[in-house]
C-alpha atoms as a PDB file:
ATOM      1  CA  MET A   1     -38.498  34.821  38.760  1.00  0.00           C
ATOM      2  CA  VAL A   2     -41.330  35.951  40.136  1.00  0.00           C
ATOM      3  CA  ALA A   3     -44.040  33.563  39.386  1.00  0.00           C
ATOM      4  CA  LEU A   4     -41.569  30.928  41.342  1.00  0.00           C
ATOM      5  CA  ALA A   5     -41.130  33.351  44.039  1.00  0.00           C
ATOM      6  CA  ALA A   6     -45.005  33.833  44.411  1.00  0.00           C
ATOM      7  CA  GLY A   7     -45.843  30.525  44.660  1.00  0.00           C
ATOM      8  CA  LYS A   8     -42.517  29.925  47.311  1.00  0.00           C
ATOM      9  CA  ASP A   9     -44.173  32.066  49.121  1.00  0.00           C
ATOM     10  CA  VAL A  10     -47.916  30.609  49.001  1.00  0.00           C
ATOM     11  CA  PHE A  11     -47.272  26.540  48.436  1.00  0.00           C
ATOM     12  CA  ARG A  12     -45.895  24.137  50.692  1.00  0.00           C
ATOM     13  CA  ASP A  13     -43.422  23.056  48.576  1.00  0.00           C
ATOM     14  CA  TYR A  14     -45.191  19.656  48.196  1.00  0.00           C
ATOM     15  CA  SER A  15     -48.304  18.818  49.179  1.00  0.00           C
ATOM     16  CA  HIS A  16     -47.882  15.926  51.500  1.00  0.00           C
ATOM     17  CA  ARG A  17     -44.668  14.222  53.173  1.00  0.00           C
ATOM     18  CA  TYR A  18     -45.664  10.612  50.944  1.00  0.00           C
ATOM     19  CA  SER A  19     -45.897  12.490  47.402  1.00  0.00           C
ATOM     20  CA  PRO A  20     -43.130  12.100  44.740  1.00  0.00           C
ATOM     21  CA  HIS A  21     -41.378  14.816  45.141  1.00  0.00           C
ATOM     22  CA  LYS A  22     -39.826  15.268  42.032  1.00  0.00           C
ATOM     23  CA  PHE A  23     -41.843  18.747  41.768  1.00  0.00           C
ATOM     24  CA  THR A  24     -42.335  21.848  43.649  1.00  0.00           C
ATOM     25  CA  GLN A  25     -45.517  23.032  43.432  1.00  0.00           C
ATOM     26  CA  PRO A  26     -44.092  26.810  43.271  1.00  0.00           C
ATOM     27  CA  GLN A  27     -42.139  25.254  39.624  1.00  0.00           C
ATOM     28  CA  LEU A  28     -45.322  23.649  38.872  1.00  0.00           C
ATOM     29  CA  PHE A  29     -47.037  27.219  39.250  1.00  0.00           C
ATOM     30  CA  ALA A  30     -44.494  28.742  36.968  1.00  0.00           C
ATOM     31  CA  CYS A  31     -44.815  25.897  34.618  1.00  0.00           C
ATOM     32  CA  LEU A  32     -49.131  27.059  34.758  1.00  0.00           C
ATOM     33  CA  VAL A  33     -48.262  31.033  34.714  1.00  0.00           C
ATOM     34  CA  ILE A  34     -45.012  30.196  31.864  1.00  0.00           C
ATOM     35  CA  LYS A  35     -48.120  28.293  29.212  1.00  0.00           C
ATOM     36  CA  GLU A  36     -50.516  31.215  30.018  1.00  0.00           C
ATOM     37  CA  TYR A  37     -48.510  33.663  29.059  1.00  0.00           C
ATOM     38  CA  GLU A  38     -47.932  31.733  25.704  1.00  0.00           C
ATOM     39  CA  LYS A  39     -51.355  30.988  25.059  1.00  0.00           C
ATOM     40  CA  LYS A  40     -50.523  27.034  24.433  1.00  0.00           C
ATOM     41  CA  ASP A  41     -52.127  23.865  26.089  1.00  0.00           C
ATOM     42  CA  TYR A  42     -50.703  21.320  28.383  1.00  0.00           C
ATOM     43  CA  ARG A  43     -49.316  19.416  25.697  1.00  0.00           C
ATOM     44  CA  GLY A  44     -47.232  22.636  24.465  1.00  0.00           C
ATOM     45  CA  ILE A  45     -45.626  23.636  27.356  1.00  0.00           C
ATOM     46  CA  ARG A  46     -44.533  20.488  27.744  1.00  0.00           C
ATOM     47  CA  GLN A  47     -42.495  20.743  24.523  1.00  0.00           C
ATOM     48  CA  LEU A  48     -41.310  24.107  25.015  1.00  0.00           C
ATOM     49  CA  LEU A  49     -39.541  22.931  28.403  1.00  0.00           C
ATOM     50  CA  ILE A  50     -37.840  19.601  26.374  1.00  0.00           C
ATOM     51  CA  ASP A  51     -36.909  22.738  22.993  1.00  0.00           C
ATOM     52  CA  TRP A  52     -35.759  25.040  26.665  1.00  0.00           C
ATOM     53  CA  PRO A  53     -33.446  23.645  28.460  1.00  0.00           C
ATOM     54  CA  GLU A  54     -32.435  27.511  30.078  1.00  0.00           C
ATOM     55  CA  LEU A  55     -36.206  27.632  30.755  1.00  0.00           C
ATOM     56  CA  GLN A  56     -35.644  24.201  32.883  1.00  0.00           C
ATOM     57  CA  GLN A  57     -32.561  25.095  34.778  1.00  0.00           C
ATOM     58  CA  VAL A  58     -34.489  28.565  35.901  1.00  0.00           C
ATOM     59  CA  ILE A  59     -37.262  26.759  37.106  1.00  0.00           C
ATOM     60  CA  GLY A  60     -34.877  24.585  38.934  1.00  0.00           C
ATOM     61  CA  LEU A  61     -36.817  21.342  37.139  1.00  0.00           C
ATOM     62  CA  ALA A  62     -34.414  18.210  36.929  1.00  0.00           C
ATOM     63  CA  SER A  63     -36.786  16.909  33.935  1.00  0.00           C
ATOM     64  CA  VAL A  64     -40.141  17.789  32.135  1.00  0.00           C
ATOM     65  CA  PRO A  65     -43.402  17.067  33.933  1.00  0.00           C
ATOM     66  CA  HIS A  66     -46.005  15.402  31.803  1.00  0.00           C
ATOM     67  CA  TYR A  67     -48.899  17.018  30.664  1.00  0.00           C
ATOM     68  CA  THR A  68     -51.367  15.226  33.063  1.00  0.00           C
ATOM     69  CA  THR A  69     -49.014  16.183  36.221  1.00  0.00           C
ATOM     70  CA  LEU A  70     -49.750  20.076  34.390  1.00  0.00           C
ATOM     71  CA  GLN A  71     -53.190  19.399  34.629  1.00  0.00           C
ATOM     72  CA  LYS A  72     -53.541  17.841  38.384  1.00  0.00           C
ATOM     73  CA  ALA A  73     -51.560  20.804  38.987  1.00  0.00           C
ATOM     74  CA  SER A  74     -54.252  23.289  38.051  1.00  0.00           C
ATOM     75  CA  ARG A  75     -56.527  22.096  40.200  1.00  0.00           C
ATOM     76  CA  ARG A  76     -55.198  22.185  43.847  1.00  0.00           C
ATOM     77  CA  LEU A  77     -53.003  25.501  42.582  1.00  0.00           C
ATOM     78  CA  LEU A  78     -55.873  27.618  41.324  1.00  0.00           C
ATOM     79  CA  ARG A  79     -58.667  26.900  43.769  1.00  0.00           C
ATOM     80  CA  GLN A  80     -60.423  30.288  45.171  1.00  0.00           C
ATOM     81  CA  ASP A  81     -58.193  30.404  48.571  1.00  0.00           C
ATOM     82  CA  ARG A  82     -55.016  30.008  47.282  1.00  0.00           C
ATOM     83  CA  VAL A  83     -55.481  32.278  44.270  1.00  0.00           C
ATOM     84  CA  ARG A  84     -56.753  34.824  46.817  1.00  0.00           C
ATOM     85  CA  LEU A  85     -53.597  34.396  48.887  1.00  0.00           C
ATOM     86  CA  LEU A  86     -51.792  34.469  44.918  1.00  0.00           C
ATOM     87  CA  LEU A  87     -52.863  37.612  44.161  1.00  0.00           C
ATOM     88  CA  ASP A  88     -52.295  39.323  47.711  1.00  0.00           C
ATOM     89  CA  ASP A  89     -48.555  38.410  47.221  1.00  0.00           C
ATOM     90  CA  THR A  90     -48.652  39.875  43.595  1.00  0.00           C
ATOM     91  CA  VAL A  91     -50.828  43.621  44.426  1.00  0.00           C
ATOM     92  CA  ARG A  92     -48.294  43.521  47.058  1.00  0.00           C
ATOM     93  CA  ARG A  93     -45.224  43.240  44.546  1.00  0.00           C
ATOM     94  CA  ILE A  94     -46.972  46.064  42.148  1.00  0.00           C
ATOM     95  CA  ARG A  95     -47.361  48.237  44.465  1.00  0.00           C
ATOM     96  CA  ARG A  96     -44.537  47.660  46.750  1.00  0.00           C
ATOM     97  CA  ARG A  97     -45.108  49.576  51.057  1.00  0.00           C
ATOM     98  CA  LYS A  98     -47.908  50.691  49.838  1.00  0.00           C
ATOM     99  CA  LYS A  99     -51.154  49.554  51.570  1.00  0.00           C
ATOM    100  CA  ARG A 100     -53.908  52.701  51.282  1.00  0.00           C
ATOM    101  CA  VAL A 101     -55.737  52.206  47.516  1.00  0.00           C
ATOM    102  CA  LYS A 102     -57.176  55.829  47.200  1.00  0.00           C
ATOM    103  CA  HIS A 103     -59.030  55.239  44.366  1.00  0.00           C
ATOM    104  CA  ALA A 104     -60.543  51.182  42.564  1.00  0.00           C
ATOM    105  CA  ALA A 105     -62.817  50.159  40.031  1.00  0.00           C
ATOM    106  CA  ALA A 106     -65.532  47.088  39.337  1.00  0.00           C
ATOM    107  CA  ASP A 107     -66.812  45.679  36.874  1.00  0.00           C
ATOM    108  CA  SER A 108     -67.018  42.135  35.228  1.00  0.00           C
ATOM    109  CA  SER A 109     -66.834  40.926  31.862  1.00  0.00           C
ATOM    110  CA  GLY A 110     -67.179  37.452  29.814  1.00  0.00           C
ATOM    111  CA  PHE A 111     -64.716  35.347  27.789  1.00  0.00           C
ATOM    112  CA  ASP A 112     -66.239  33.349  25.205  1.00  0.00           C
ATOM    113  CA  ALA A 113     -66.011  29.009  25.828  1.00  0.00           C
ATOM    114  CA  HIS A 114     -64.812  28.676  21.721  1.00  0.00           C
ATOM    115  CA  HIS A 115     -62.007  29.818  19.421  1.00  0.00           C
ATOM    116  CA  ALA A 116     -65.471  30.318  17.064  1.00  0.00           C
ATOM    117  CA  SER A 117     -66.420  33.418  16.261  1.00  0.00           C
ATOM    118  CA  ARG A 118     -70.008  34.481  16.468  1.00  0.00           C
ATOM    119  CA  TYR A 119     -70.664  35.774  13.175  1.00  0.00           C
ATOM    120  CA  PHE A 120     -69.787  31.754  11.767  1.00  0.00           C
ATOM    121  CA  ILE A 121     -72.252  30.955  14.196  1.00  0.00           C
ATOM    122  CA  TRP A 122     -74.655  33.345  13.126  1.00  0.00           C
ATOM    123  CA  ARG A 123     -74.168  32.284   9.020  1.00  0.00           C
ATOM    124  CA  ARG A 124     -74.406  27.963  10.550  1.00  0.00           C
ATOM    125  CA  ASP A 125     -77.690  28.800  12.399  1.00  0.00           C
ATOM    126  CA  ASN A 126     -78.472  31.376   9.986  1.00  0.00           C
ATOM    127  CA  GLN A 127     -77.896  31.453   6.420  1.00  0.00           C
ATOM    128  CA  LYS A 128     -78.521  27.907   5.208  1.00  0.00           C
ATOM    129  CA  ASP A 129     -81.844  26.854   2.752  1.00  0.00           C
ATOM    130  CA  SER A 130     -83.151  23.884   5.053  1.00  0.00           C
ATOM    131  CA  GLU A 131     -86.284  23.949   5.630  1.00  0.00           C
ATOM    132  CA  LYS A 132     -85.746  21.001   8.011  1.00  0.00           C
ATOM    133  CA  ARG A 133     -83.727  23.834  10.010  1.00  0.00           C
ATOM    134  CA  PRO A 134     -85.298  26.810  11.454  1.00  0.00           C
ATOM    135  CA  LYS A 135     -83.649  29.706  12.063  1.00  0.00           C
ATOM    136  CA  LYS A 136     -82.484  31.115  15.275  1.00  0.00           C
ATOM    137  CA  ARG A 137     -83.377  35.146  15.308  1.00  0.00           C
ATOM    138  CA  VAL A 138     -81.807  35.343  19.285  1.00  0.00           C
ATOM    139  CA  SER A 139     -79.633  32.426  20.913  1.00  0.00           C
ATOM    140  CA  TYR A 140     -78.023  32.512  24.564  1.00  0.00           C
ATOM    141  CA  LYS A 141     -74.384  30.466  24.960  1.00  0.00           C
ATOM    142  CA  ARG A 142     -72.816  30.496  28.546  1.00  0.00           C
ATOM    143  CA  TYR A 143     -69.344  31.451  28.763  1.00  0.00           C
ATOM    144  CA  GLY A 144     -66.428  32.419  31.046  1.00  0.00           C
ATOM    145  CA  LYS A 145     -67.870  35.407  33.392  1.00  0.00           C
ATOM    146  CA  LEU A 146     -65.441  37.181  35.102  1.00  0.00           C
ATOM    147  CA  MET A 147     -65.700  40.278  38.099  1.00  0.00           C
ATOM    148  CA  LEU A 148     -62.478  42.389  39.205  1.00  0.00           C
ATOM    149  CA  ILE A 149     -61.581  45.300  41.223  1.00  0.00           C
ATOM    150  CA  VAL A 150     -58.428  47.247  39.438  1.00  0.00           C
ATOM    151  CA  CYS A 151     -56.845  49.340  41.044  1.00  0.00           C
ATOM    152  CA  TYR A 152     -56.373  52.725  39.080  1.00  0.00           C
ATOM    153  CA  ALA A 153     -52.868  53.809  39.480  1.00  0.00           C
ATOM    154  CA  THR A 154     -51.261  50.298  38.522  1.00  0.00           C
ATOM    155  CA  HIS A 155     -54.034  48.451  37.053  1.00  0.00           C
ATOM    156  CA  ALA A 156     -53.231  45.683  39.365  1.00  0.00           C
ATOM    157  CA  ILE A 157     -56.548  43.585  39.672  1.00  0.00           C
ATOM    158  CA  LEU A 158     -56.637  43.513  43.965  1.00  0.00           C
ATOM    159  CA  ALA A 159     -59.865  40.603  43.756  1.00  0.00           C
ATOM    160  CA  ALA A 160     -61.359  38.527  41.617  1.00  0.00           C
ATOM    161  CA  VAL A 161     -64.004  36.371  40.871  1.00  0.00           C
ATOM    162  CA  ALA A 162     -64.253  33.209  37.819  1.00  0.00           C
ATOM    163  CA  SER A 163     -68.583  32.674  37.365  1.00  0.00           C
ATOM    164  CA  ALA A 164     -70.523  31.342  34.359  1.00  0.00           C
ATOM    165  CA  GLY A 165     -72.430  34.335  32.825  1.00  0.00           C
ATOM    166  CA  PRO A 166     -75.150  35.919  31.525  1.00  0.00           C
ATOM    167  CA  THR A 167     -76.286  36.743  34.753  1.00  0.00           C
ATOM    168  CA  PRO A 168     -76.647  40.034  36.201  1.00  0.00           C
ATOM    169  CA  ASP A 169     -74.142  42.056  37.980  1.00  0.00           C
ATOM    170  CA  ILE A 170     -76.140  43.770  40.728  1.00  0.00           C
ATOM    171  CA  ASN A 171     -76.349  40.959  43.139  1.00  0.00           C
ATOM    172  CA  GLN A 172     -72.050  40.302  42.773  1.00  0.00           C
ATOM    173  CA  LEU A 173     -70.172  42.613  44.068  1.00  0.00           C
ATOM    174  CA  GLY A 174     -70.124  41.195  47.810  1.00  0.00           C
ATOM    175  CA  GLY A 175     -68.686  38.288  46.666  1.00  0.00           C
ATOM    176  CA  VAL A 176     -65.699  40.097  45.198  1.00  0.00           C
ATOM    177  CA  LEU A 177     -65.657  41.874  47.418  1.00  0.00           C
ATOM    178  CA  ASP A 178     -65.043  39.160  50.241  1.00  0.00           C
ATOM    179  CA  GLN A 179     -61.788  38.187  47.861  1.00  0.00           C
ATOM    180  CA  LEU A 180     -59.530  41.789  48.798  1.00  0.00           C
ATOM    181  CA  PRO A 181     -56.383  40.999  49.791  1.00  0.00           C
ATOM    182  CA  ARG A 182     -56.130  42.435  53.503  1.00  0.00           C
ATOM    183  CA  SER A 183     -52.427  44.521  52.820  1.00  0.00           C
ATOM    184  CA  GLN A 184     -54.837  46.478  50.960  1.00  0.00           C
ATOM    185  CA  THR A 185     -57.044  48.615  52.188  1.00  0.00           C
ATOM    186  CA  VAL A 186     -59.750  50.669  49.698  1.00  0.00           C
ATOM    187  CA  LEU A 187     -60.328  53.756  50.116  1.00  0.00           C
ATOM    188  CA  HIS A 188     -62.657  54.646  47.245  1.00  0.00           C
ATOM    189  CA  LEU A 189     -64.479  52.332  44.248  1.00  0.00           C
ATOM    190  CA  VAL A 190     -66.740  53.058  41.673  1.00  0.00           C
ATOM    191  CA  ALA A 191     -68.940  50.837  39.636  1.00  0.00           C
ATOM    192  CA  ASP A 192     -71.135  51.442  36.433  1.00  0.00           C
ATOM    193  CA  ALA A 193     -75.160  51.993  36.423  1.00  0.00           C
ATOM    194  CA  GLY A 194     -75.177  47.900  36.458  1.00  0.00           C
ATOM    195  CA  PHE A 195     -73.795  47.348  40.466  1.00  0.00           C
ATOM    196  CA  ASP A 196     -76.505  50.617  41.498  1.00  0.00           C
ATOM    197  CA  SER A 197     -78.942  49.051  44.323  1.00  0.00           C
ATOM    198  CA  ALA A 198     -79.122  50.594  48.099  1.00  0.00           C
ATOM    199  CA  HIS A 199     -77.465  47.684  48.953  1.00  0.00           C
ATOM    200  CA  ASN A 200     -74.416  47.588  47.889  1.00  0.00           C
ATOM    201  CA  HIS A 201     -74.166  51.129  48.967  1.00  0.00           C
ATOM    202  CA  ARG A 202     -75.146  50.380  52.058  1.00  0.00           C
ATOM    203  CA  LEU A 203     -71.762  47.021  51.962  1.00  0.00           C
ATOM    204  CA  LEU A 204     -69.911  49.623  50.745  1.00  0.00           C
ATOM    205  CA  ARG A 205     -70.070  52.139  53.050  1.00  0.00           C
ATOM    206  CA  GLU A 206     -71.033  50.797  56.174  1.00  0.00           C
ATOM    207  CA  ASP A 207     -70.159  47.085  55.874  1.00  0.00           C
ATOM    208  CA  HIS A 208     -66.369  47.336  54.529  1.00  0.00           C
ATOM    209  CA  GLY A 209     -66.291  51.099  55.106  1.00  0.00           C
ATOM    210  CA  ILE A 210     -65.039  52.461  51.490  1.00  0.00           C
ATOM    211  CA  ARG A 211     -66.349  55.354  49.258  1.00  0.00           C
ATOM    212  CA  SER A 212     -68.854  54.118  46.243  1.00  0.00           C
ATOM    213  CA  THR A 213     -69.639  56.097  43.185  1.00  0.00           C
ATOM    214  CA  ILE A 214     -72.311  54.444  41.281  1.00  0.00           C
ATOM    215  CA  PRO A 215     -74.469  55.716  39.643  1.00  0.00           C
ATOM    216  CA  PRO A 216     -78.569  56.030  39.957  1.00  0.00           C
ATOM    217  CA  GLU A 217     -80.000  54.704  36.938  1.00  0.00           C
ATOM    218  CA  HIS A 218     -80.884  51.340  37.629  1.00  0.00           C
ATOM    219  CA  GLY A 219     -84.548  50.072  36.943  1.00  0.00           C
ATOM    220  CA  ARG A 220     -87.118  52.552  35.053  1.00  0.00           C
ATOM    221  CA  PRO A 221     -86.788  56.303  34.843  1.00  0.00           C
ATOM    222  CA  PRO A 222     -89.261  57.618  36.128  1.00  0.00           C
ATOM    223  CA  GLN A 223     -91.882  60.520  34.754  1.00  0.00           C
ATOM    224  CA  ASP A 224     -90.337  63.804  36.457  1.00  0.00           C
ATOM    225  CA  PRO A 225     -86.586  63.497  35.930  1.00  0.00           C
ATOM    226  CA  ASN A 226     -86.228  65.872  38.785  1.00  0.00           C
ATOM    227  CA  THR A 227     -87.626  63.420  41.008  1.00  0.00           C
ATOM    228  CA  LEU A 228     -85.200  61.618  43.800  1.00  0.00           C
ATOM    229  CA  PRO A 229     -84.271  58.398  45.060  1.00  0.00           C
ATOM    230  CA  CYS A 230     -86.104  57.153  47.569  1.00  0.00           C
ATOM    231  CA  ASP A 231     -82.605  56.173  49.343  1.00  0.00           C
ATOM    232  CA  PRO A 232     -80.412  58.419  50.653  1.00  0.00           C
ATOM    233  CA  TYR A 233     -77.142  57.214  49.428  1.00  0.00           C
ATOM    234  CA  ARG A 234     -78.899  56.562  45.353  1.00  0.00           C
ATOM    235  CA  ARG A 235     -80.416  60.102  46.800  1.00  0.00           C
ATOM    236  CA  LEU A 236     -76.263  61.364  47.732  1.00  0.00           C
ATOM    237  CA  MET A 237     -75.840  60.111  43.999  1.00  0.00           C
ATOM    238  CA  LYS A 238     -78.337  62.069  42.133  1.00  0.00           C
ATOM    239  CA  THR A 239     -77.291  65.599  43.723  1.00  0.00           C
ATOM    240  CA  ARG A 240     -73.455  65.373  44.733  1.00  0.00           C
ATOM    241  CA  PHE A 241     -72.446  63.057  42.360  1.00  0.00           C
ATOM    242  CA  ASN A 242     -68.452  62.419  42.119  1.00  0.00           C
ATOM    243  CA  LYS A 243     -67.817  62.987  38.332  1.00  0.00           C
ATOM    244  CA  PRO A 244     -64.202  63.239  38.032  1.00  0.00           C
ATOM    245  CA  ALA A 245     -63.440  59.911  39.824  1.00  0.00           C
ATOM    246  CA  TYR A 246     -66.330  58.615  37.825  1.00  0.00           C
ATOM    247  CA  ASN A 247     -64.877  59.844  34.647  1.00  0.00           C
ATOM    248  CA  ARG A 248     -62.069  57.544  35.704  1.00  0.00           C
ATOM    249  CA  ARG A 249     -64.023  54.142  35.877  1.00  0.00           C
ATOM    250  CA  SER A 250     -62.463  53.046  32.170  1.00  0.00           C
ATOM    251  CA  GLN A 251     -59.028  51.919  33.677  1.00  0.00           C
ATOM    252  CA  VAL A 252     -60.901  48.756  34.470  1.00  0.00           C
ATOM    253  CA  GLU A 253     -62.078  48.585  30.716  1.00  0.00           C
ATOM    254  CA  THR A 254     -58.135  48.695  30.391  1.00  0.00           C
ATOM    255  CA  VAL A 255     -57.769  45.935  32.117  1.00  0.00           C
ATOM    256  CA  PHE A 256     -60.935  43.774  30.497  1.00  0.00           C
ATOM    257  CA  SER A 257     -58.585  45.011  27.365  1.00  0.00           C
ATOM    258  CA  MET A 258     -55.177  43.992  28.124  1.00  0.00           C
ATOM    259  CA  LEU A 259     -56.423  40.942  29.338  1.00  0.00           C
ATOM    260  CA  LYS A 260     -57.926  39.408  26.325  1.00  0.00           C
ATOM    261  CA  ARG A 261     -55.654  41.266  23.800  1.00  0.00           C
ATOM    262  CA  ASN A 262     -52.393  39.246  25.420  1.00  0.00           C
ATOM    263  CA  PHE A 263     -53.852  35.871  26.425  1.00  0.00           C
ATOM    264  CA  GLY A 264     -57.212  35.906  24.392  1.00  0.00           C
ATOM    265  CA  PRO A 265     -60.676  36.493  24.386  1.00  0.00           C
ATOM    266  CA  ALA A 266     -61.431  32.499  23.914  1.00  0.00           C
ATOM    267  CA  LEU A 267     -61.068  30.011  26.891  1.00  0.00           C
ATOM    268  CA  ARG A 268     -59.520  26.718  26.236  1.00  0.00           C
ATOM    269  CA  ALA A 269     -61.416  25.130  29.322  1.00  0.00           C
ATOM    270  CA  ARG A 270     -63.890  23.180  27.907  1.00  0.00           C
ATOM    271  CA  SER A 271     -66.182  22.386  31.782  1.00  0.00           C
ATOM    272  CA  HIS A 272     -67.196  25.037  33.846  1.00  0.00           C
ATOM    273  CA  TRP A 273     -64.265  24.253  36.264  1.00  0.00           C
ATOM    274  CA  GLY A 274     -62.346  24.730  34.104  1.00  0.00           C
ATOM    275  CA  ARG A 275     -62.721  27.765  32.119  1.00  0.00           C
ATOM    276  CA  ASN A 276     -63.133  29.555  36.131  1.00  0.00           C
ATOM    277  CA  ARG A 277     -59.526  28.068  36.779  1.00  0.00           C
ATOM    278  CA  ASP A 278     -58.192  29.744  33.137  1.00  0.00           C
ATOM    279  CA  LEU A 279     -59.477  32.696  34.503  1.00  0.00           C
ATOM    280  CA  TYR A 280     -58.178  32.673  37.372  1.00  0.00           C
ATOM    281  CA  LEU A 281     -54.142  31.777  36.119  1.00  0.00           C
ATOM    282  CA  ARG A 282     -55.436  34.750  33.303  1.00  0.00           C
ATOM    283  CA  VAL A 283     -55.833  36.702  36.311  1.00  0.00           C
ATOM    284  CA  LEU A 284     -52.369  35.858  38.458  1.00  0.00           C
ATOM    285  CA  THR A 285     -50.787  36.361  35.336  1.00  0.00           C
ATOM    286  CA  HIS A 286     -51.523  39.762  34.209  1.00  0.00           C
ATOM    287  CA  ASN A 287     -49.880  40.219  37.594  1.00  0.00           C
ATOM    288  CA  ILE A 288     -46.938  39.264  37.549  1.00  0.00           C
ATOM    289  CA  ALA A 289     -45.964  40.662  33.901  1.00  0.00           C
ATOM    290  CA  LEU A 290     -46.762  44.319  36.280  1.00  0.00           C
ATOM    291  CA  ALA A 291     -44.108  43.128  38.646  1.00  0.00           C
ATOM    292  CA  LEU A 292     -42.167  42.261  35.740  1.00  0.00           C
ATOM    293  CA  LEU A 293     -42.282  45.117  33.178  1.00  0.00           C
ATOM    294  CA  TRP A 294     -43.402  47.768  37.003  1.00  0.00           C
ATOM    295  CA  LEU A 295     -41.050  50.524  35.097  1.00  0.00           C
ATOM    296  CA  PHE A 296     -43.760  50.641  31.666  1.00  0.00           C
ATOM    297  CA  TYR A 297     -45.917  52.116  34.470  1.00  0.00           C
ATOM    298  CA  ARG A 298     -43.997  54.913  35.857  1.00  0.00           C
ATOM    299  CA  ALA A 299     -42.612  56.891  32.799  1.00  0.00           C
ATOM    300  CA  GLY A 300     -40.899  59.164  34.307  1.00  0.00           C
ATOM    301  CA  HIS A 301     -38.343  56.477  35.777  1.00  0.00           C
ATOM    302  CA  SER A 302     -34.904  57.357  34.112  1.00  0.00           C
ATOM    303  CA  ARG A 303     -34.296  53.561  33.748  1.00  0.00           C
ATOM    304  CA  PHE A 304     -37.267  54.279  30.529  1.00  0.00           C
ATOM    305  CA  ARG A 305     -36.609  56.831  29.847  1.00  0.00           C
ATOM    306  CA  ASP A 306     -33.063  56.069  28.907  1.00  0.00           C
ATOM    307  CA  ILE A 307     -34.538  52.414  27.206  1.00  0.00           C
ATOM    308  CA  SER A 308     -37.204  55.201  24.726  1.00  0.00           C
ATOM    309  CA  ARG A 309     -33.753  57.432  23.988  1.00  0.00           C
ATOM    310  CA  ASP A 310     -31.739  54.390  23.024  1.00  0.00           C
ATOM    311  CA  SER A 311     -34.513  52.335  20.962  1.00  0.00           C
ATOM    312  CA  ALA A 312     -35.258  56.172  19.230  1.00  0.00           C
ATOM    313  CA  ALA A 313     -31.688  56.463  18.482  1.00  0.00           C
ATOM    314  CA  LEU A 314     -30.525  53.913  16.456  1.00  0.00           C
ATOM    315  CA  THR A 315     -34.488  54.026  14.463  1.00  0.00           C
ATOM    316  CA  GLU A 316     -33.288  56.874  13.324  1.00  0.00           C
ATOM    317  CA  LYS A 317     -29.727  55.506  12.789  1.00  0.00           C
ATOM    318  CA  LYS A 318     -31.656  53.144  10.488  1.00  0.00           C
ATOM    319  CA  GLY A 319     -33.429  55.863   8.621  1.00  0.00           C
ATOM    320  CA  THR A 320     -30.349  57.799   8.844  1.00  0.00           C
ATOM    321  CA  GLU A 321     -28.168  54.866   6.753  1.00  0.00           C
ATOM    322  CA  LYS A 322     -31.391  54.056   4.330  1.00  0.00           C
ATOM    323  CA  LYS A 323     -32.640  57.384   3.052  1.00  0.00           C
ATOM    324  CA  GLY A 324     -29.370  58.997   2.958  1.00  0.00           C
ATOM    325  CA  THR A 325     -29.585  62.352   3.786  1.00  0.00           C
ATOM    326  CA  GLU A 326     -33.224  62.297   4.220  1.00  0.00           C
ATOM    327  CA  LYS A 327     -34.453  62.176   8.039  1.00  0.00           C
ATOM    328  CA  LYS A 328     -36.396  59.479   7.942  1.00  0.00           C
ATOM    329  CA  GLY A 329     -37.592  58.090  11.453  1.00  0.00           C
ATOM    330  CA  THR A 330     -36.604  60.713  12.822  1.00  0.00           C
ATOM    331  CA  GLU A 331     -40.108  61.635  15.390  1.00  0.00           C
ATOM    332  CA  LYS A 332     -41.131  58.241  15.177  1.00  0.00           C
ATOM    333  CA  LYS A 333     -40.459  56.725  18.873  1.00  0.00           C
ATOM    334  CA  GLY A 334     -38.591  53.779  19.180  1.00  0.00           C
ATOM    335  CA  THR A 335     -40.428  50.348  20.308  1.00  0.00           C
ATOM    336  CA  PHE A 336     -39.598  47.699  23.167  1.00  0.00           C
ATOM    337  CA  LYS A 337     -41.047  44.165  22.803  1.00  0.00           C
ATOM    338  CA  ILE A 338     -41.026  42.338  25.517  1.00  0.00           C
ATOM    339  CA  SER A 339     -40.376  38.622  25.268  1.00  0.00           C
ATOM    340  CA  LEU A 340     -40.079  35.458  27.406  1.00  0.00           C
ATOM    341  CA  ALA A 341     -37.065  35.471  28.062  1.00  0.00           C
ATOM    342  CA  TRP A 342     -36.327  38.701  28.964  1.00  0.00           C
ATOM    343  CA  LEU A 343     -39.779  37.909  30.995  1.00  0.00           C
ATOM    344  CA  ILE A 344     -38.075  35.174  33.127  1.00  0.00           C
ATOM    345  CA  PHE A 345     -33.816  36.149  32.971  1.00  0.00           C
ATOM    346  CA  HIS A 346     -34.119  40.094  32.799  1.00  0.00           C
ATOM    347  CA  GLU A 347     -33.572  40.659  37.332  1.00  0.00           C
ATOM    348  CA  TYR A 348     -34.167  44.040  38.955  1.00  0.00           C
END
């Protein structure tokens, strides 16, 4: 189990010599990862462990932890300094022996602070006929904000910083650069116009030795479209912009889509620090899932072709038996649904 192995690499077995010694810290971290993967709360993961004795054996639990034990473990294990060590460990498991990241992308996205839809809130506030309650034209809401640096080739999250939004991205690039793992060296970083500033270019190129590609579109556009920026790096972006590298920036949007589709667009916590822990746990769960499903990101691997071919053949056989002579489903691609049991018990 990758979550348990990553926890053993980063955490000690017990936080203190006089702790109860009922559960180790890697075991509690593995329970938190399964909680996030299954979209459950602390009570839900406790009930899942009670109903699944085989899962307890895999984690090595002698008894099921109380939900308050898991909540307190999240506050202790998901601090930013420990999240950085866990990210470093999971990235090394995804990228194997590779140490240099040729292309990476930076971006941020917001996660809802509640599960109610924005359209429902708008209808609730603006569709009432009560004269005592004025209609709201514009409403601002604090939400969880996640800034990432993502590897193009593997979709692995290299660095993450959780905060509260809405806030601009232009002055937050330095914080996420400081969280990059020491085992990886980023050669080229691509970002959108929200990061466009002379300070960010100098931060990347002079302080970190990373080549930057950011479109020079921040600020009010000049009257003459041929006017060049005063800063040399922004002028370089205007005259010799690396468009092929920037076109692949959509990979970071793909990672945000994976996070929201797999784990949901809303956060369960109600406090600011609790939302930050939820975001960090989603990032770690995403990397751990990639470490397990590495074959789906290398389509040329023989085992991937074997799985796809067997699944497609099974689909074609069922369609032939059902329709007789009609060859329905011949061109239909096979699907391979990943369950929690496969993720936990499958070994490479």
